[in-house]
Every structure is written in C-alpha cells, then in structure tokens.
Amino acid sequence: MLPTSELIKNTITAGLACSHLEVEGDGRHFSAVIVSDVFSGKRLIQRHRLVYAALGDRMREEIHALSMQTLTPEEFQK
C-alpha cells in the first residue's frame, strides 16, 4: 500500500512540532512545506535530518522521494 499525503503529514507531526505543514504527493513522490521553531539556528541539512528522523522507516521503505521546504516561522512569514 502506498503512503498518502495525510499519512506523511501525520507521521511528521507526530515526531516534530510544526506550526504549519503542507504535504502533497502521488503515493511515491511528495513535496512538503514544514514550518517549525526547532529549525531556528539550524542549517538546511540539519533541518532535513530532523524531518527524516520524524519519518523514520517510512523514508527508507515507503517514500521514494520527498522535496522539502523547511522554514522557521519567521522565514515563513516573509
């Protein structure tokens, strides 16, 4: 069974406090806009690793590709 955008969204929010989250996809390829205070002071690769950690095994086993915008609330407001 292919993952849904809603499943990906729920998995991310279960492991990462988000103030805003949008996920779109076709079951294999997804794109996400993720806004969280935990990204403050972190480089892009560190932000992506936090999202990958929240997704856990799903990222390795179910999701073929995930394009992400990882923003702090201040960056999102701009």
N, C-alpha and C. Protein backbone atom coordinates (compact mmCIF):
# COMPACT_ATOMS: atom_id res chain seq x y z
N MET A 1 0.84 -1.18 0.00
CA MET A 1 0.00 0.00 0.00
C MET A 1 0.88 1.24 0.00
N LEU A 2 0.58 2.16 -0.88
CA LEU A 2 1.35 3.39 -0.99
C LEU A 2 0.94 4.38 0.10
N PRO A 3 1.90 5.13 0.62
CA PRO A 3 1.55 6.14 1.63
C PRO A 3 0.78 7.29 1.00
N THR A 4 -0.04 7.93 1.80
CA THR A 4 -0.81 9.09 1.35
C THR A 4 -0.19 10.36 1.92
N SER A 5 -0.57 11.49 1.36
CA SER A 5 -0.11 12.78 1.88
C SER A 5 -0.52 12.95 3.34
N GLU A 6 -1.72 12.50 3.67
CA GLU A 6 -2.21 12.62 5.05
C GLU A 6 -1.38 11.76 6.01
N LEU A 7 -1.01 10.58 5.59
CA LEU A 7 -0.19 9.70 6.42
C LEU A 7 1.19 10.33 6.66
N ILE A 8 1.78 10.88 5.62
CA ILE A 8 3.08 11.55 5.75
C ILE A 8 2.96 12.73 6.69
N LYS A 9 1.91 13.50 6.52
CA LYS A 9 1.68 14.67 7.38
C LYS A 9 1.54 14.25 8.84
N ASN A 10 0.75 13.23 9.11
CA ASN A 10 0.56 12.74 10.47
C ASN A 10 1.86 12.21 11.07
N THR A 11 2.66 11.55 10.26
CA THR A 11 3.92 11.00 10.74
C THR A 11 4.89 12.12 11.10
N ILE A 12 4.96 13.14 10.27
CA ILE A 12 5.85 14.28 10.56
C ILE A 12 5.41 14.98 11.83
N THR A 13 4.12 15.26 11.97
CA THR A 13 3.65 16.00 13.15
C THR A 13 3.77 15.17 14.43
N ALA A 14 3.78 13.85 14.31
CA ALA A 14 3.96 13.01 15.50
C ALA A 14 5.39 13.09 16.03
N GLY A 15 6.34 13.41 15.15
CA GLY A 15 7.73 13.45 15.57
C GLY A 15 8.37 14.81 15.58
N LEU A 16 7.63 15.83 15.13
CA LEU A 16 8.20 17.16 15.00
C LEU A 16 7.10 18.20 15.23
N ALA A 17 7.33 19.12 16.16
CA ALA A 17 6.33 20.16 16.44
C ALA A 17 6.32 21.16 15.28
N CYS A 18 5.21 21.22 14.57
CA CYS A 18 5.09 22.10 13.40
C CYS A 18 4.03 23.16 13.65
N SER A 19 4.32 24.38 13.23
CA SER A 19 3.29 25.42 13.29
C SER A 19 2.52 25.49 11.98
N HIS A 20 3.10 24.92 10.92
CA HIS A 20 2.43 24.85 9.62
C HIS A 20 3.01 23.67 8.86
N LEU A 21 2.15 22.92 8.18
CA LEU A 21 2.63 21.76 7.42
C LEU A 21 1.69 21.51 6.25
N GLU A 22 2.27 21.47 5.06
CA GLU A 22 1.54 21.12 3.84
C GLU A 22 2.27 19.96 3.20
N VAL A 23 1.54 18.93 2.81
CA VAL A 23 2.15 17.79 2.12
C VAL A 23 1.29 17.44 0.92
N GLU A 24 1.93 17.29 -0.23
CA GLU A 24 1.25 16.88 -1.45
C GLU A 24 2.05 15.74 -2.07
N GLY A 25 1.36 14.84 -2.75
CA GLY A 25 2.09 13.77 -3.41
C GLY A 25 1.19 12.78 -4.10
N ASP A 26 1.85 11.84 -4.79
CA ASP A 26 1.13 10.86 -5.59
C ASP A 26 1.28 9.43 -5.07
N GLY A 27 1.79 9.27 -3.86
CA GLY A 27 1.98 7.94 -3.31
C GLY A 27 3.42 7.50 -3.30
N ARG A 28 4.24 8.06 -4.15
CA ARG A 28 5.68 7.74 -4.20
C ARG A 28 6.53 9.00 -4.07
N HIS A 29 6.11 10.08 -4.71
CA HIS A 29 6.84 11.34 -4.69
C HIS A 29 6.01 12.38 -3.95
N PHE A 30 6.65 13.06 -3.00
CA PHE A 30 5.94 14.02 -2.17
C PHE A 30 6.72 15.33 -2.11
N SER A 31 5.98 16.40 -1.85
CA SER A 31 6.59 17.69 -1.55
C SER A 31 5.94 18.21 -0.27
N ALA A 32 6.75 18.91 0.53
CA ALA A 32 6.24 19.38 1.82
C ALA A 32 6.80 20.76 2.13
N VAL A 33 5.95 21.57 2.76
CA VAL A 33 6.36 22.83 3.36
C VAL A 33 6.19 22.62 4.86
N ILE A 34 7.31 22.67 5.58
CA ILE A 34 7.32 22.35 7.00
C ILE A 34 7.84 23.57 7.76
N VAL A 35 7.03 24.08 8.67
CA VAL A 35 7.40 25.26 9.45
C VAL A 35 7.47 24.85 10.92
N SER A 36 8.63 25.09 11.54
CA SER A 36 8.81 24.69 12.93
C SER A 36 9.85 25.57 13.62
N ASP A 37 9.61 25.84 14.89
CA ASP A 37 10.58 26.58 15.71
C ASP A 37 11.88 25.80 15.88
N VAL A 38 11.82 24.48 15.81
CA VAL A 38 13.03 23.68 16.03
C VAL A 38 14.07 23.89 14.93
N PHE A 39 13.68 24.49 13.82
CA PHE A 39 14.62 24.76 12.74
C PHE A 39 15.48 26.01 13.00
N SER A 40 15.12 26.80 13.99
CA SER A 40 15.87 28.03 14.28
C SER A 40 17.33 27.71 14.57
N GLY A 41 18.22 28.44 13.89
CA GLY A 41 19.65 28.28 14.11
C GLY A 41 20.26 27.05 13.47
N LYS A 42 19.47 26.31 12.69
CA LYS A 42 19.97 25.08 12.06
C LYS A 42 20.17 25.29 10.56
N ARG A 43 21.20 24.63 10.05
CA ARG A 43 21.44 24.66 8.61
C ARG A 43 20.44 23.76 7.90
N LEU A 44 20.35 23.90 6.60
CA LEU A 44 19.39 23.15 5.79
C LEU A 44 19.52 21.64 6.00
N ILE A 45 20.73 21.13 5.97
CA ILE A 45 20.92 19.68 6.12
C ILE A 45 20.46 19.20 7.50
N GLN A 46 20.67 20.02 8.52
CA GLN A 46 20.21 19.67 9.87
C GLN A 46 18.70 19.65 9.93
N ARG A 47 18.06 20.59 9.27
CA ARG A 47 16.60 20.64 9.23
C ARG A 47 16.04 19.40 8.54
N HIS A 48 16.64 19.04 7.41
CA HIS A 48 16.16 17.87 6.67
C HIS A 48 16.36 16.59 7.49
N ARG A 49 17.45 16.51 8.21
CA ARG A 49 17.69 15.33 9.05
C ARG A 49 16.63 15.20 10.15
N LEU A 50 16.17 16.33 10.68
CA LEU A 50 15.10 16.29 11.68
C LEU A 50 13.82 15.71 11.09
N VAL A 51 13.51 16.10 9.86
CA VAL A 51 12.31 15.59 9.19
C VAL A 51 12.49 14.10 8.89
N TYR A 52 13.66 13.72 8.38
CA TYR A 52 13.92 12.31 8.10
C TYR A 52 13.79 11.47 9.37
N ALA A 53 14.28 12.00 10.49
CA ALA A 53 14.17 11.28 11.76
C ALA A 53 12.71 11.11 12.16
N ALA A 54 11.89 12.14 11.94
CA ALA A 54 10.47 12.04 12.25
C ALA A 54 9.78 10.99 11.38
N LEU A 55 10.21 10.88 10.13
CA LEU A 55 9.61 9.91 9.21
C LEU A 55 10.12 8.49 9.46
N GLY A 56 11.30 8.36 10.03
CA GLY A 56 11.84 7.06 10.37
C GLY A 56 11.89 6.09 9.20
N ASP A 57 11.42 4.88 9.43
CA ASP A 57 11.47 3.82 8.41
C ASP A 57 10.64 4.14 7.18
N ARG A 58 9.63 4.96 7.32
CA ARG A 58 8.81 5.31 6.16
C ARG A 58 9.67 5.93 5.05
N MET A 59 10.66 6.73 5.45
CA MET A 59 11.50 7.38 4.46
C MET A 59 12.34 6.35 3.71
N ARG A 60 12.78 5.33 4.37
CA ARG A 60 13.61 4.31 3.74
C ARG A 60 12.78 3.28 2.96
N GLU A 61 11.58 3.00 3.43
CA GLU A 61 10.83 1.87 2.88
C GLU A 61 9.64 2.25 2.00
N GLU A 62 8.99 3.37 2.27
CA GLU A 62 7.73 3.67 1.58
C GLU A 62 7.78 4.89 0.68
N ILE A 63 8.60 5.86 1.02
CA ILE A 63 8.62 7.12 0.28
C ILE A 63 9.80 7.11 -0.68
N HIS A 64 9.52 7.24 -1.95
CA HIS A 64 10.58 7.23 -2.95
C HIS A 64 11.32 8.57 -2.98
N ALA A 65 10.59 9.67 -2.88
CA ALA A 65 11.22 10.99 -2.93
C ALA A 65 10.40 11.99 -2.12
N LEU A 66 11.10 12.87 -1.44
CA LEU A 66 10.45 13.93 -0.66
C LEU A 66 11.21 15.22 -0.87
N SER A 67 10.56 16.18 -1.48
CA SER A 67 11.11 17.52 -1.67
C SER A 67 10.58 18.37 -0.52
N MET A 68 11.49 19.07 0.18
CA MET A 68 11.07 19.81 1.38
C MET A 68 11.50 21.26 1.35
N GLN A 69 10.62 22.10 1.87
CA GLN A 69 10.96 23.46 2.27
C GLN A 69 10.86 23.43 3.79
N THR A 70 11.96 23.64 4.48
CA THR A 70 11.96 23.63 5.93
C THR A 70 12.25 25.04 6.41
N LEU A 71 11.27 25.64 7.06
CA LEU A 71 11.33 27.06 7.41
C LEU A 71 11.03 27.28 8.89
N THR A 72 11.63 28.34 9.43
CA THR A 72 11.23 28.81 10.76
C THR A 72 9.96 29.63 10.57
N PRO A 73 9.21 29.89 11.63
CA PRO A 73 8.01 30.73 11.49
C PRO A 73 8.34 32.12 10.92
N GLU A 74 9.48 32.67 11.29
CA GLU A 74 9.88 33.99 10.78
C GLU A 74 10.15 33.93 9.27
N GLU A 75 10.81 32.87 8.81
CA GLU A 75 11.09 32.72 7.39
C GLU A 75 9.79 32.51 6.61
N PHE A 76 8.87 31.78 7.18
CA PHE A 76 7.59 31.50 6.52
C PHE A 76 6.77 32.78 6.35
N GLN A 77 6.86 33.69 7.30
CA GLN A 77 6.10 34.94 7.23
C GLN A 77 6.58 35.87 6.12
N LYS A 78 7.85 35.73 5.71
CA LYS A 78 8.42 36.62 4.69
C LYS A 78 7.95 36.32 3.30
